[in-house]
């Protein structure tokens, strides 16, 4: 399976803590916060499908 890791997802206006607190914590806004648990990539289609299937279960 091939997945697109080249298209960035703009999360800086999404109420994400890592983006919202960037300037407050470091004093700069042009930094790239590299948190492991909060990736700025779209969710892979098989994962989206699995979550959608699970949401259908009562």
N, C-alpha and C. Protein backbone atom coordinates (compact mmCIF):
# COMPACT_ATOMS: atom_id res chain seq x y z
N UNK A 1 0.85 -1.18 0.00
CA UNK A 1 0.00 0.00 0.00
C UNK A 1 0.89 1.24 0.00
N UNK A 2 0.56 2.17 -0.84
CA UNK A 2 1.29 3.43 -0.91
C UNK A 2 0.46 4.52 -0.24
N UNK A 3 1.12 5.34 0.55
CA UNK A 3 0.43 6.42 1.25
C UNK A 3 1.18 7.72 1.04
N UNK A 4 0.46 8.80 0.93
CA UNK A 4 1.03 10.11 0.66
C UNK A 4 1.49 10.78 1.96
N UNK A 5 2.80 10.78 2.18
CA UNK A 5 3.36 11.47 3.34
C UNK A 5 3.95 12.82 2.94
N UNK A 6 3.68 13.26 1.73
CA UNK A 6 4.24 14.52 1.25
C UNK A 6 3.27 15.69 1.34
N UNK A 7 1.98 15.41 1.46
CA UNK A 7 0.98 16.47 1.53
C UNK A 7 0.75 16.86 2.98
N UNK A 8 1.15 18.07 3.35
CA UNK A 8 0.95 18.48 4.75
C UNK A 8 -0.51 18.79 5.04
N UNK A 9 -0.90 18.57 6.27
CA UNK A 9 -2.23 18.91 6.75
C UNK A 9 -2.06 20.13 7.65
N UNK A 10 -2.74 21.21 7.33
CA UNK A 10 -2.62 22.44 8.12
C UNK A 10 -3.39 22.28 9.43
N UNK A 11 -2.68 22.13 10.52
CA UNK A 11 -3.31 21.97 11.82
C UNK A 11 -3.07 23.17 12.73
N UNK A 12 -2.41 24.19 12.22
CA UNK A 12 -2.09 25.33 13.08
C UNK A 12 -3.32 26.13 13.49
N UNK A 13 -4.43 25.96 12.82
CA UNK A 13 -5.67 26.65 13.20
C UNK A 13 -6.72 25.65 13.71
N UNK A 14 -6.29 24.47 14.13
CA UNK A 14 -7.23 23.41 14.49
C UNK A 14 -7.35 23.20 16.00
N UNK A 15 -6.90 24.14 16.79
CA UNK A 15 -6.96 24.05 18.25
C UNK A 15 -6.03 22.95 18.78
N UNK A 16 -5.02 22.60 18.00
CA UNK A 16 -4.02 21.63 18.43
C UNK A 16 -3.09 22.31 19.43
N UNK A 17 -2.90 21.69 20.58
CA UNK A 17 -2.09 22.30 21.64
C UNK A 17 -0.67 22.57 21.16
N UNK A 18 -0.10 21.66 20.40
CA UNK A 18 1.29 21.87 19.99
C UNK A 18 1.43 23.10 19.11
N UNK A 19 0.40 23.45 18.35
CA UNK A 19 0.47 24.65 17.52
C UNK A 19 0.00 25.88 18.30
N UNK A 20 -1.02 25.71 19.13
CA UNK A 20 -1.59 26.84 19.85
C UNK A 20 -0.60 27.42 20.87
N UNK A 21 0.19 26.58 21.50
CA UNK A 21 1.10 27.04 22.54
C UNK A 21 2.53 27.27 22.06
N UNK A 22 2.76 27.14 20.76
CA UNK A 22 4.12 27.25 20.23
C UNK A 22 4.76 28.60 20.56
N UNK A 23 4.07 29.69 20.24
CA UNK A 23 4.62 31.02 20.50
C UNK A 23 4.74 31.28 22.00
N UNK A 24 3.72 30.89 22.74
CA UNK A 24 3.73 31.12 24.18
C UNK A 24 4.89 30.38 24.86
N UNK A 25 5.16 29.18 24.42
CA UNK A 25 6.20 28.37 25.05
C UNK A 25 7.61 28.74 24.60
N UNK A 26 7.78 29.04 23.31
CA UNK A 26 9.12 29.26 22.77
C UNK A 26 9.39 30.69 22.32
N UNK A 27 8.34 31.50 22.18
CA UNK A 27 8.53 32.88 21.76
C UNK A 27 8.66 33.07 20.26
N UNK A 28 8.51 32.00 19.50
CA UNK A 28 8.59 32.07 18.04
C UNK A 28 7.39 31.35 17.44
N UNK A 29 6.98 31.78 16.25
CA UNK A 29 5.89 31.10 15.57
C UNK A 29 6.35 30.35 14.34
N UNK A 30 7.59 30.55 13.92
CA UNK A 30 8.05 29.89 12.70
C UNK A 30 8.84 28.61 13.00
N UNK A 31 8.50 27.96 14.09
CA UNK A 31 9.13 26.70 14.46
C UNK A 31 8.28 25.53 13.97
N UNK A 32 8.88 24.37 13.90
CA UNK A 32 8.16 23.16 13.52
C UNK A 32 8.18 22.21 14.71
N UNK A 33 7.09 22.14 15.46
CA UNK A 33 7.06 21.25 16.62
C UNK A 33 6.96 19.80 16.15
N UNK A 34 7.89 18.99 16.57
CA UNK A 34 7.93 17.59 16.12
C UNK A 34 7.55 16.66 17.27
N UNK A 35 6.28 16.60 17.56
CA UNK A 35 5.78 15.70 18.58
C UNK A 35 5.53 14.35 17.97
N UNK A 36 5.81 13.31 18.68
CA UNK A 36 5.63 11.95 18.17
C UNK A 36 4.15 11.56 18.13
N UNK A 37 3.42 11.90 19.16
CA UNK A 37 2.04 11.42 19.29
C UNK A 37 1.04 12.21 18.45
N UNK A 38 1.42 13.32 17.88
CA UNK A 38 0.49 14.16 17.15
C UNK A 38 1.06 14.45 15.77
N UNK A 39 0.85 13.54 14.85
CA UNK A 39 1.42 13.68 13.51
C UNK A 39 0.57 14.61 12.66
N UNK A 40 1.20 15.32 11.78
CA UNK A 40 0.51 16.24 10.89
C UNK A 40 0.33 15.63 9.50
N UNK A 41 -0.07 14.39 9.48
CA UNK A 41 -0.38 13.70 8.24
C UNK A 41 -1.81 13.21 8.30
N UNK A 42 -2.39 13.04 7.15
CA UNK A 42 -3.75 12.48 7.09
C UNK A 42 -3.73 11.04 7.59
N UNK A 43 -4.85 10.59 8.07
CA UNK A 43 -4.96 9.20 8.52
C UNK A 43 -5.04 8.30 7.29
N UNK A 44 -4.32 7.20 7.31
CA UNK A 44 -4.31 6.27 6.18
C UNK A 44 -5.72 5.71 5.95
N UNK A 45 -6.12 5.57 4.69
CA UNK A 45 -7.47 5.08 4.37
C UNK A 45 -7.87 3.78 5.09
N UNK A 46 -7.00 2.77 5.23
CA UNK A 46 -7.44 1.57 5.96
C UNK A 46 -7.78 1.84 7.42
N UNK A 47 -7.09 2.79 8.02
CA UNK A 47 -7.40 3.14 9.41
C UNK A 47 -8.73 3.89 9.47
N UNK A 48 -8.96 4.79 8.53
CA UNK A 48 -10.25 5.49 8.47
C UNK A 48 -11.39 4.50 8.30
N UNK A 49 -11.20 3.52 7.42
CA UNK A 49 -12.25 2.52 7.17
C UNK A 49 -12.50 1.68 8.42
N UNK A 50 -11.44 1.29 9.12
CA UNK A 50 -11.60 0.48 10.33
C UNK A 50 -12.35 1.26 11.41
N UNK A 51 -12.04 2.53 11.56
CA UNK A 51 -12.74 3.36 12.55
C UNK A 51 -14.20 3.51 12.16
N UNK A 52 -14.47 3.73 10.88
CA UNK A 52 -15.85 3.87 10.42
C UNK A 52 -16.64 2.58 10.66
N UNK A 53 -16.01 1.42 10.38
CA UNK A 53 -16.69 0.14 10.63
C UNK A 53 -16.97 -0.04 12.12
N UNK A 54 -16.02 0.32 12.95
CA UNK A 54 -16.19 0.16 14.39
C UNK A 54 -17.28 1.08 14.92
N UNK A 55 -17.41 2.26 14.33
CA UNK A 55 -18.45 3.19 14.75
C UNK A 55 -19.85 2.69 14.42
N UNK A 56 -19.95 1.80 13.45
CA UNK A 56 -21.25 1.24 13.07
C UNK A 56 -21.73 0.17 14.05
N UNK A 57 -20.82 -0.37 14.84
CA UNK A 57 -21.16 -1.43 15.78
C UNK A 57 -21.89 -0.83 16.97
N UNK A 58 -22.99 -1.47 17.40
CA UNK A 58 -23.75 -0.91 18.54
C UNK A 58 -23.01 -0.97 19.86
